[in-house]
C-alpha cells in the first residue's frame, strides 16, 4: 500500500475541524485554511456562505474576512495520505486523536 504527499494547515476557528482539508501544495492548503476559517466567520456574523465557487465568492464579496482569517491560521505540515483514503477521510482520522506528534488533535477515535 502506498501513500501520497499532501499539505494540511491548522486552523483555530472553524465549524468542525482543527485542520483544513489536505491539498497537494502548500498554497492550496493555505487557501483551504482561509476558506475553513471564513466559513466560520460568516456563520458567526449570520451571513450565508456563497454556495457556488466559495473561495472566489468570499474573496470578492468579503475580502476583509480573508485578512481577519489570518489570525486563526496556524502551521502547514506535510502529511502522507494512504492510497485507500481520500483527503477528507484522512483529515477526519487525523483530527480524532493523538497521532504521536505531541499535538492535541481533539477527541480520540480510530478511523475505520
C-alpha atoms as a PDB file:
ATOM      1  CA  UNK A   1       0.000   0.000   0.000  1.00  0.00           C
ATOM      2  CA  UNK A   2       1.379   3.412  -0.964  1.00  0.00           C
ATOM      3  CA  UNK A   3       0.879   6.969   0.151  1.00  0.00           C
ATOM      4  CA  UNK A   4       0.524  10.383  -1.448  1.00  0.00           C
ATOM      5  CA  UNK A   5       2.111  13.597  -0.170  1.00  0.00           C
ATOM      6  CA  UNK A   6      -0.289  16.386   0.790  1.00  0.00           C
ATOM      7  CA  UNK A   7      -0.169  19.516   2.950  1.00  0.00           C
ATOM      8  CA  UNK A   8      -2.569  20.337   5.770  1.00  0.00           C
ATOM      9  CA  UNK A   9      -2.928  23.655   7.627  1.00  0.00           C
ATOM     10  CA  UNK A  10      -4.038  24.098  11.238  1.00  0.00           C
ATOM     11  CA  UNK A  11      -6.981  26.411  11.979  1.00  0.00           C
ATOM     12  CA  UNK A  12      -8.186  27.544  15.390  1.00  0.00           C
ATOM     13  CA  UNK A  13     -11.577  28.941  14.361  1.00  0.00           C
ATOM     14  CA  UNK A  14     -13.635  26.694  12.071  1.00  0.00           C
ATOM     15  CA  UNK A  15     -17.018  24.999  12.102  1.00  0.00           C
ATOM     16  CA  UNK A  16     -15.716  21.490  12.804  1.00  0.00           C
ATOM     17  CA  UNK A  17     -12.081  20.514  12.305  1.00  0.00           C
ATOM     18  CA  UNK A  18      -8.764  21.788  13.699  1.00  0.00           C
ATOM     19  CA  UNK A  19      -7.176  21.369  10.239  1.00  0.00           C
ATOM     20  CA  UNK A  20      -8.327  22.368   6.775  1.00  0.00           C
ATOM     21  CA  UNK A  21      -8.731  19.732   4.053  1.00  0.00           C
ATOM     22  CA  UNK A  22      -5.319  18.452   2.885  1.00  0.00           C
ATOM     23  CA  UNK A  23      -4.184  19.763  -0.501  1.00  0.00           C
ATOM     24  CA  UNK A  24      -1.381  18.877  -2.938  1.00  0.00           C
ATOM     25  CA  UNK A  25       0.503  22.167  -2.431  1.00  0.00           C
ATOM     26  CA  UNK A  26       1.321  24.487   0.461  1.00  0.00           C
ATOM     27  CA  UNK A  27      -0.510  27.328  -1.306  1.00  0.00           C
ATOM     28  CA  UNK A  28      -3.559  25.101  -1.761  1.00  0.00           C
ATOM     29  CA  UNK A  29      -3.511  24.127   1.916  1.00  0.00           C
ATOM     30  CA  UNK A  30      -3.336  27.773   2.985  1.00  0.00           C
ATOM     31  CA  UNK A  31      -6.219  28.667   0.637  1.00  0.00           C
ATOM     32  CA  UNK A  32      -8.266  25.823   2.125  1.00  0.00           C
ATOM     33  CA  UNK A  33      -7.481  27.115   5.624  1.00  0.00           C
ATOM     34  CA  UNK A  34      -8.684  30.604   4.685  1.00  0.00           C
ATOM     35  CA  UNK A  35     -11.879  29.034   3.366  1.00  0.00           C
ATOM     36  CA  UNK A  36     -12.402  26.963   6.524  1.00  0.00           C
ATOM     37  CA  UNK A  37     -11.987  29.992   8.780  1.00  0.00           C
ATOM     38  CA  UNK A  38     -14.091  32.360   6.667  1.00  0.00           C
ATOM     39  CA  UNK A  39     -16.993  29.886   6.646  1.00  0.00           C
ATOM     40  CA  UNK A  40     -16.954  30.144  10.450  1.00  0.00           C
ATOM     41  CA  UNK A  41     -16.565  33.932  10.416  1.00  0.00           C
ATOM     42  CA  UNK A  42     -19.526  34.305   8.045  1.00  0.00           C
ATOM     43  CA  UNK A  43     -21.542  31.948  10.227  1.00  0.00           C
ATOM     44  CA  UNK A  44     -20.652  33.984  13.333  1.00  0.00           C
ATOM     45  CA  UNK A  45     -21.880  37.138  11.541  1.00  0.00           C
ATOM     46  CA  UNK A  46     -25.115  35.452  10.435  1.00  0.00           C
ATOM     47  CA  UNK A  47     -24.158  35.817   6.756  1.00  0.00           C
ATOM     48  CA  UNK A  48     -24.944  32.978   4.367  1.00  0.00           C
ATOM     49  CA  UNK A  49     -21.870  31.473   2.713  1.00  0.00           C
ATOM     50  CA  UNK A  50     -21.602  31.534  -1.083  1.00  0.00           C
ATOM     51  CA  UNK A  51     -22.762  28.133  -2.345  1.00  0.00           C
ATOM     52  CA  UNK A  52     -21.013  28.099  -5.709  1.00  0.00           C
ATOM     53  CA  UNK A  53     -17.292  28.807  -6.127  1.00  0.00           C
ATOM     54  CA  UNK A  54     -16.930  29.507  -2.410  1.00  0.00           C
ATOM     55  CA  UNK A  55     -13.306  30.648  -2.390  1.00  0.00           C
ATOM     56  CA  UNK A  56     -13.693  33.135  -5.229  1.00  0.00           C
ATOM     57  CA  UNK A  57     -17.052  34.324  -3.916  1.00  0.00           C
ATOM     58  CA  UNK A  58     -15.891  35.056  -0.376  1.00  0.00           C
ATOM     59  CA  UNK A  59     -12.763  36.801  -1.648  1.00  0.00           C
ATOM     60  CA  UNK A  60     -14.838  39.018  -3.975  1.00  0.00           C
ATOM     61  CA  UNK A  61     -17.647  39.842  -1.523  1.00  0.00           C
ATOM     62  CA  UNK A  62     -15.807  39.780   1.835  1.00  0.00           C
ATOM     63  CA  UNK A  63     -12.072  40.431   1.286  1.00  0.00           C
ATOM     64  CA  UNK A  64     -11.813  41.810   4.831  1.00  0.00           C
ATOM     65  CA  UNK A  65     -12.604  38.348   6.185  1.00  0.00           C
ATOM     66  CA  UNK A  66      -9.586  36.874   4.398  1.00  0.00           C
ATOM     67  CA  UNK A  67      -7.407  39.306   6.360  1.00  0.00           C
ATOM     68  CA  UNK A  68      -9.225  38.546   9.615  1.00  0.00           C
ATOM     69  CA  UNK A  69      -8.872  34.807   8.970  1.00  0.00           C
ATOM     70  CA  UNK A  70      -5.063  35.035   9.088  1.00  0.00           C
ATOM     71  CA  UNK A  71      -5.073  35.311  12.888  1.00  0.00           C
ATOM     72  CA  UNK A  72      -6.723  31.875  13.115  1.00  0.00           C
ATOM     73  CA  UNK A  73      -4.422  30.054  10.695  1.00  0.00           C
ATOM     74  CA  UNK A  74      -1.503  28.061  12.067  1.00  0.00           C
ATOM     75  CA  UNK A  75       1.244  25.900  10.675  1.00  0.00           C
ATOM     76  CA  UNK A  76       1.130  23.924   7.452  1.00  0.00           C
ATOM     77  CA  UNK A  77       2.507  20.424   7.676  1.00  0.00           C
ATOM     78  CA  UNK A  78       3.346  17.759   5.161  1.00  0.00           C
ATOM     79  CA  UNK A  79       1.324  14.561   5.552  1.00  0.00           C
ATOM     80  CA  UNK A  80       1.381  11.181   3.834  1.00  0.00           C
ATOM     81  CA  UNK A  81      -2.137  10.053   2.984  1.00  0.00           C
ATOM     82  CA  UNK A  82      -2.637   6.311   2.431  1.00  0.00           C
ATOM     83  CA  UNK A  83      -3.873   5.445  -1.057  1.00  0.00           C
ATOM     84  CA  UNK A  84      -7.028   3.950   0.448  1.00  0.00           C
ATOM     85  CA  UNK A  85      -8.092   7.304   1.992  1.00  0.00           C
ATOM     86  CA  UNK A  86      -9.428  10.488   0.469  1.00  0.00           C
ATOM     87  CA  UNK A  87      -8.004  13.766   1.816  1.00  0.00           C
ATOM     88  CA  UNK A  88     -11.223  14.414   3.773  1.00  0.00           C
ATOM     89  CA  UNK A  89     -11.169  10.916   5.270  1.00  0.00           C
ATOM     90  CA  UNK A  90      -7.556  11.436   6.296  1.00  0.00           C
ATOM     91  CA  UNK A  91      -8.392  14.759   7.977  1.00  0.00           C
ATOM     92  CA  UNK A  92     -11.242  13.096   9.885  1.00  0.00           C
ATOM     93  CA  UNK A  93      -8.903  10.313  11.043  1.00  0.00           C
ATOM     94  CA  UNK A  94      -6.072  12.721  11.883  1.00  0.00           C
ATOM     95  CA  UNK A  95      -8.240  15.139  13.873  1.00  0.00           C
ATOM     96  CA  UNK A  96      -9.847  12.459  16.019  1.00  0.00           C
ATOM     97  CA  UNK A  97      -6.915  11.636  18.264  1.00  0.00           C
ATOM     98  CA  UNK A  98      -3.291  11.689  19.259  1.00  0.00           C
ATOM     99  CA  UNK A  99      -1.051  10.683  16.369  1.00  0.00           C
ATOM    100  CA  UNK A 100       2.120  10.618  18.461  1.00  0.00           C
ATOM    101  CA  UNK A 101       3.328  14.047  17.324  1.00  0.00           C
ATOM    102  CA  UNK A 102       2.742  15.962  20.565  1.00  0.00           C
ATOM    103  CA  UNK A 103      -0.311  17.825  19.262  1.00  0.00           C
ATOM    104  CA  UNK A 104      -3.807  17.621  20.702  1.00  0.00           C
ATOM    105  CA  UNK A 105      -5.986  16.787  17.706  1.00  0.00           C
ATOM    106  CA  UNK A 106      -9.297  16.612  19.514  1.00  0.00           C
ATOM    107  CA  UNK A 107     -11.238  13.676  20.876  1.00  0.00           C
ATOM    108  CA  UNK A 108      -9.814  10.198  20.428  1.00  0.00           C
ATOM    109  CA  UNK A 109     -11.063   7.692  17.919  1.00  0.00           C
ATOM    110  CA  UNK A 110      -9.885   5.254  15.310  1.00  0.00           C
ATOM    111  CA  UNK A 111     -10.518   5.654  11.626  1.00  0.00           C
ATOM    112  CA  UNK A 112     -12.253   2.543  10.300  1.00  0.00           C
END
